[in-house]
């Protein structure tokens, strides 16, 4: 077996704490931030991205080699100077999206 088979990435959850006051300087960064998040999702580095209804907090599931790599990516967010984060290494992150497709026998 090749070494690449065992080169599995780890899932990390980033808890992102957004500013209480959403100032215009923060709001101007949102389009660039969303574009960057979309790139990370397309490249497979971000598995999921969620923001709470009250816009105070977000949860991002990353696929990375280590927490330092996750931090490097987060520090490139256009909104990075406005947020604080906590990084958690995950043991399990499961959901319907990770299951085999359901068969439909018409």
N, C-alpha and C. Protein backbone atom coordinates (compact mmCIF):
# COMPACT_ATOMS: atom_id res chain seq x y z
N UNK A 1 0.83 -1.18 0.00
CA UNK A 1 0.00 0.00 0.00
C UNK A 1 0.87 1.25 0.00
N UNK A 2 0.45 2.23 -0.71
CA UNK A 2 1.24 3.46 -0.76
C UNK A 2 1.03 4.27 0.52
N UNK A 3 1.99 5.16 0.79
CA UNK A 3 1.91 6.02 1.96
C UNK A 3 0.72 6.97 1.87
N UNK A 4 0.31 7.33 0.66
CA UNK A 4 -0.77 8.27 0.46
C UNK A 4 -2.09 7.77 1.05
N UNK A 5 -2.29 6.48 1.11
CA UNK A 5 -3.52 5.91 1.65
C UNK A 5 -3.67 6.30 3.12
N UNK A 6 -2.55 6.40 3.84
CA UNK A 6 -2.59 6.70 5.26
C UNK A 6 -2.47 8.19 5.56
N UNK A 7 -2.39 9.01 4.53
CA UNK A 7 -2.26 10.46 4.71
C UNK A 7 -3.65 11.08 4.82
N UNK A 8 -4.36 10.71 5.89
CA UNK A 8 -5.72 11.20 6.07
C UNK A 8 -5.71 12.52 6.83
N UNK A 9 -6.56 13.41 6.44
CA UNK A 9 -6.68 14.70 7.11
C UNK A 9 -7.65 14.56 8.28
N UNK A 10 -7.56 15.50 9.19
CA UNK A 10 -8.38 15.52 10.39
C UNK A 10 -9.44 16.60 10.24
N UNK A 11 -10.58 16.38 10.87
CA UNK A 11 -11.63 17.39 10.87
C UNK A 11 -11.50 18.25 12.12
N UNK A 12 -11.66 19.55 11.92
CA UNK A 12 -11.60 20.53 13.00
C UNK A 12 -12.85 21.39 12.93
N UNK A 13 -13.41 21.71 14.10
CA UNK A 13 -14.51 22.68 14.15
C UNK A 13 -13.94 23.99 14.68
N UNK A 14 -14.18 25.04 13.93
CA UNK A 14 -13.82 26.37 14.38
C UNK A 14 -15.09 27.05 14.86
N UNK A 15 -15.07 27.46 16.12
CA UNK A 15 -16.14 28.31 16.64
C UNK A 15 -15.67 29.74 16.40
N UNK A 16 -16.46 30.48 15.68
CA UNK A 16 -16.10 31.84 15.30
C UNK A 16 -17.05 32.80 16.01
N UNK A 17 -16.49 33.72 16.78
CA UNK A 17 -17.28 34.69 17.52
C UNK A 17 -17.22 36.02 16.79
N UNK A 18 -18.38 36.47 16.33
CA UNK A 18 -18.48 37.68 15.53
C UNK A 18 -18.66 38.89 16.44
N UNK A 19 -18.34 40.09 15.93
CA UNK A 19 -18.48 41.29 16.77
C UNK A 19 -19.93 41.55 17.15
N UNK A 20 -20.11 42.10 18.36
CA UNK A 20 -21.47 42.44 18.81
C UNK A 20 -22.06 43.55 17.96
N UNK A 21 -21.26 44.54 17.66
CA UNK A 21 -21.68 45.66 16.81
C UNK A 21 -21.16 45.41 15.40
N UNK A 22 -22.05 45.28 14.44
CA UNK A 22 -21.64 45.03 13.06
C UNK A 22 -21.42 46.37 12.36
N UNK A 23 -20.20 46.88 12.49
CA UNK A 23 -19.85 48.18 11.92
C UNK A 23 -19.72 48.09 10.40
N UNK A 24 -19.77 49.24 9.76
CA UNK A 24 -19.70 49.29 8.30
C UNK A 24 -18.38 48.70 7.79
N UNK A 25 -17.28 48.91 8.50
CA UNK A 25 -15.99 48.36 8.06
C UNK A 25 -16.04 46.83 8.01
N UNK A 26 -16.77 46.23 8.94
CA UNK A 26 -16.96 44.78 8.94
C UNK A 26 -17.87 44.37 7.78
N UNK A 27 -18.97 45.07 7.62
CA UNK A 27 -19.95 44.73 6.59
C UNK A 27 -19.35 44.82 5.19
N UNK A 28 -18.43 45.76 4.98
CA UNK A 28 -17.79 45.89 3.66
C UNK A 28 -16.92 44.68 3.32
N UNK A 29 -16.48 43.94 4.33
CA UNK A 29 -15.63 42.77 4.12
C UNK A 29 -16.42 41.51 3.78
N UNK A 30 -17.73 41.52 4.00
CA UNK A 30 -18.55 40.31 3.85
C UNK A 30 -18.48 39.72 2.43
N UNK A 31 -18.64 40.50 1.36
CA UNK A 31 -18.58 39.88 0.02
C UNK A 31 -17.25 39.17 -0.26
N UNK A 32 -16.13 39.79 0.11
CA UNK A 32 -14.82 39.15 -0.09
C UNK A 32 -14.69 37.91 0.79
N UNK A 33 -15.21 38.00 2.00
CA UNK A 33 -15.16 36.85 2.92
C UNK A 33 -15.96 35.69 2.35
N UNK A 34 -17.16 35.96 1.88
CA UNK A 34 -18.00 34.89 1.31
C UNK A 34 -17.34 34.27 0.08
N UNK A 35 -16.71 35.09 -0.75
CA UNK A 35 -16.02 34.56 -1.93
C UNK A 35 -14.88 33.63 -1.50
N UNK A 36 -14.15 34.02 -0.46
CA UNK A 36 -13.05 33.18 0.03
C UNK A 36 -13.58 31.89 0.63
N UNK A 37 -14.66 31.97 1.39
CA UNK A 37 -15.27 30.77 1.97
C UNK A 37 -15.71 29.83 0.84
N UNK A 38 -16.32 30.38 -0.19
CA UNK A 38 -16.76 29.56 -1.33
C UNK A 38 -15.58 28.84 -1.99
N UNK A 39 -14.44 29.52 -2.11
CA UNK A 39 -13.23 28.88 -2.66
C UNK A 39 -12.79 27.72 -1.78
N UNK A 40 -12.80 27.93 -0.46
CA UNK A 40 -12.37 26.88 0.47
C UNK A 40 -13.33 25.69 0.47
N UNK A 41 -14.61 25.95 0.28
CA UNK A 41 -15.59 24.87 0.17
C UNK A 41 -15.34 24.09 -1.12
N UNK A 42 -15.15 24.81 -2.22
CA UNK A 42 -14.91 24.16 -3.51
C UNK A 42 -13.64 23.32 -3.51
N UNK A 43 -12.63 23.76 -2.77
CA UNK A 43 -11.36 23.03 -2.73
C UNK A 43 -11.38 21.88 -1.73
N UNK A 44 -12.46 21.77 -0.94
CA UNK A 44 -12.57 20.69 0.03
C UNK A 44 -11.92 20.98 1.37
N UNK A 45 -11.41 22.19 1.57
CA UNK A 45 -10.81 22.53 2.86
C UNK A 45 -11.87 22.83 3.92
N UNK A 46 -13.01 23.36 3.49
CA UNK A 46 -14.14 23.56 4.39
C UNK A 46 -15.23 22.59 3.99
N UNK A 47 -15.73 21.86 4.99
CA UNK A 47 -16.81 20.89 4.77
C UNK A 47 -18.16 21.56 4.95
N UNK A 48 -18.28 22.40 5.98
CA UNK A 48 -19.54 23.11 6.20
C UNK A 48 -19.27 24.44 6.89
N UNK A 49 -20.20 25.36 6.68
CA UNK A 49 -20.06 26.73 7.19
C UNK A 49 -21.44 27.19 7.64
N UNK A 50 -21.57 27.57 8.90
CA UNK A 50 -22.86 27.98 9.45
C UNK A 50 -22.69 29.23 10.30
N UNK A 51 -23.69 30.11 10.25
CA UNK A 51 -23.74 31.30 11.10
C UNK A 51 -25.07 31.27 11.85
N UNK A 52 -25.02 31.60 13.15
CA UNK A 52 -26.25 31.61 13.95
C UNK A 52 -27.21 32.68 13.45
N UNK A 53 -28.49 32.48 13.75
CA UNK A 53 -29.53 33.40 13.29
C UNK A 53 -29.27 34.82 13.79
N UNK A 54 -28.76 34.95 15.02
CA UNK A 54 -28.51 36.29 15.57
C UNK A 54 -27.17 36.87 15.11
N UNK A 55 -26.46 36.13 14.27
CA UNK A 55 -25.19 36.57 13.66
C UNK A 55 -24.11 36.88 14.70
N UNK A 56 -24.15 36.17 15.82
CA UNK A 56 -23.14 36.39 16.85
C UNK A 56 -22.03 35.34 16.82
N UNK A 57 -22.31 34.22 16.15
CA UNK A 57 -21.39 33.10 16.22
C UNK A 57 -21.49 32.28 14.93
N UNK A 58 -20.38 31.62 14.58
CA UNK A 58 -20.37 30.73 13.43
C UNK A 58 -19.63 29.45 13.76
N UNK A 59 -19.90 28.41 12.96
CA UNK A 59 -19.25 27.12 13.11
C UNK A 59 -18.77 26.69 11.73
N UNK A 60 -17.50 26.35 11.65
CA UNK A 60 -16.91 25.96 10.38
C UNK A 60 -16.20 24.62 10.59
N UNK A 61 -16.52 23.65 9.74
CA UNK A 61 -15.83 22.37 9.79
C UNK A 61 -14.76 22.37 8.70
N UNK A 62 -13.51 22.22 9.13
CA UNK A 62 -12.35 22.19 8.24
C UNK A 62 -11.81 20.78 8.11
N UNK A 63 -11.18 20.51 7.00
CA UNK A 63 -10.42 19.29 6.79
C UNK A 63 -8.97 19.74 6.61
N UNK A 64 -8.09 19.36 7.56
CA UNK A 64 -6.71 19.85 7.53
C UNK A 64 -5.77 18.86 8.19
N UNK A 65 -4.49 19.09 8.02
CA UNK A 65 -3.48 18.22 8.64
C UNK A 65 -3.37 18.46 10.14
N UNK A 66 -3.53 19.74 10.55
CA UNK A 66 -3.38 20.06 11.96
C UNK A 66 -4.03 21.41 12.26
N UNK A 67 -4.14 21.73 13.55
CA UNK A 67 -4.79 22.96 13.97
C UNK A 67 -4.03 24.20 13.49
N UNK A 68 -2.71 24.10 13.39
CA UNK A 68 -1.92 25.23 12.91
C UNK A 68 -2.29 25.59 11.47
N UNK A 69 -2.55 24.58 10.65
CA UNK A 69 -2.98 24.83 9.27
C UNK A 69 -4.34 25.52 9.24
N UNK A 70 -5.23 25.10 10.13
CA UNK A 70 -6.56 25.74 10.22
C UNK A 70 -6.39 27.20 10.61
N UNK A 71 -5.56 27.46 11.62
CA UNK A 71 -5.33 28.83 12.06
C UNK A 71 -4.76 29.68 10.92
N UNK A 72 -3.83 29.13 10.16
CA UNK A 72 -3.27 29.86 9.01
C UNK A 72 -4.35 30.26 8.02
N UNK A 73 -5.29 29.35 7.76
CA UNK A 73 -6.38 29.65 6.83
C UNK A 73 -7.29 30.73 7.40
N UNK A 74 -7.67 30.58 8.67
CA UNK A 74 -8.58 31.55 9.30
C UNK A 74 -7.95 32.95 9.32
N UNK A 75 -6.64 33.02 9.51
CA UNK A 75 -5.97 34.32 9.53
C UNK A 75 -5.96 34.98 8.16
N UNK A 76 -6.33 34.25 7.12
CA UNK A 76 -6.46 34.82 5.78
C UNK A 76 -7.89 35.29 5.49
N UNK A 77 -8.84 35.00 6.39
CA UNK A 77 -10.21 35.48 6.20
C UNK A 77 -10.18 37.00 6.10
N UNK A 78 -10.90 37.58 5.15
CA UNK A 78 -10.98 39.04 5.09
C UNK A 78 -11.51 39.67 6.39
N UNK A 79 -12.31 38.92 7.17
CA UNK A 79 -12.87 39.46 8.42
C UNK A 79 -12.03 39.08 9.65
N UNK A 80 -10.84 38.53 9.45
CA UNK A 80 -10.09 37.96 10.59
C UNK A 80 -9.84 38.95 11.71
N UNK A 81 -9.66 40.24 11.40
CA UNK A 81 -9.37 41.20 12.47
C UNK A 81 -10.59 41.51 13.33
N UNK A 82 -11.77 41.08 12.89
CA UNK A 82 -13.01 41.37 13.63
C UNK A 82 -13.49 40.19 14.47
N UNK A 83 -12.87 39.03 14.32
CA UNK A 83 -13.40 37.82 14.96
C UNK A 83 -12.41 37.24 15.97
N UNK A 84 -12.95 36.44 16.88
CA UNK A 84 -12.12 35.58 17.72
C UNK A 84 -12.58 34.15 17.44
N UNK A 85 -11.68 33.21 17.66
CA UNK A 85 -12.01 31.82 17.33
C UNK A 85 -11.54 30.86 18.41
N UNK A 86 -12.13 29.69 18.39
CA UNK A 86 -11.65 28.53 19.13
C UNK A 86 -11.61 27.38 18.13
N UNK A 87 -10.52 26.61 18.15
CA UNK A 87 -10.36 25.48 17.24
C UNK A 87 -10.47 24.20 18.04
N UNK A 88 -11.33 23.28 17.59
CA UNK A 88 -11.54 22.00 18.26
C UNK A 88 -11.28 20.87 17.27
N UNK A 89 -10.39 19.95 17.63
CA UNK A 89 -10.19 18.76 16.80
C UNK A 89 -11.36 17.82 17.04
N UNK A 90 -11.93 17.30 15.97
CA UNK A 90 -13.11 16.45 16.07
C UNK A 90 -12.74 14.97 16.01
N UNK A 91 -13.46 14.19 16.77
CA UNK A 91 -13.35 12.74 16.70
C UNK A 91 -14.37 12.22 15.69
N UNK A 92 -15.60 12.76 15.76
CA UNK A 92 -16.68 12.35 14.85
C UNK A 92 -17.41 13.59 14.37
N UNK A 93 -17.66 13.65 13.08
CA UNK A 93 -18.56 14.64 12.48
C UNK A 93 -19.35 13.87 11.44
N UNK A 94 -20.62 13.66 11.70
CA UNK A 94 -21.43 12.79 10.85
C UNK A 94 -22.67 13.53 10.39
N UNK A 95 -23.25 13.06 9.34
CA UNK A 95 -24.49 13.62 8.83
C UNK A 95 -24.92 12.87 7.59
N UNK A 96 -26.11 13.18 7.12
CA UNK A 96 -26.65 12.48 5.96
C UNK A 96 -25.78 12.66 4.72
N UNK A 97 -25.13 13.80 4.62
CA UNK A 97 -24.28 14.07 3.45
C UNK A 97 -23.11 13.09 3.35
N UNK A 98 -22.77 12.44 4.45
CA UNK A 98 -21.64 11.51 4.46
C UNK A 98 -22.07 10.06 4.29
N UNK A 99 -23.32 9.84 4.00
CA UNK A 99 -23.86 8.49 3.82
C UNK A 99 -23.92 8.14 2.35
N UNK A 100 -24.07 6.86 2.08
CA UNK A 100 -24.28 6.43 0.70
C UNK A 100 -25.63 6.97 0.22
N UNK A 101 -25.73 7.29 -1.04
CA UNK A 101 -27.01 7.78 -1.56
C UNK A 101 -28.11 6.73 -1.35
N UNK A 102 -29.31 7.22 -1.08
CA UNK A 102 -30.45 6.32 -0.92
C UNK A 102 -30.89 5.84 -2.29
N UNK A 103 -31.18 4.56 -2.36
CA UNK A 103 -31.65 4.00 -3.63
C UNK A 103 -33.14 4.24 -3.77
N UNK A 104 -33.54 4.57 -4.97
CA UNK A 104 -34.94 4.82 -5.26
C UNK A 104 -35.35 3.85 -6.37
N UNK A 105 -36.14 2.85 -6.02
CA UNK A 105 -36.60 1.87 -7.00
C UNK A 105 -37.97 2.30 -7.52
N UNK A 106 -37.97 3.07 -8.58
CA UNK A 106 -39.22 3.58 -9.15
C UNK A 106 -40.15 2.48 -9.44
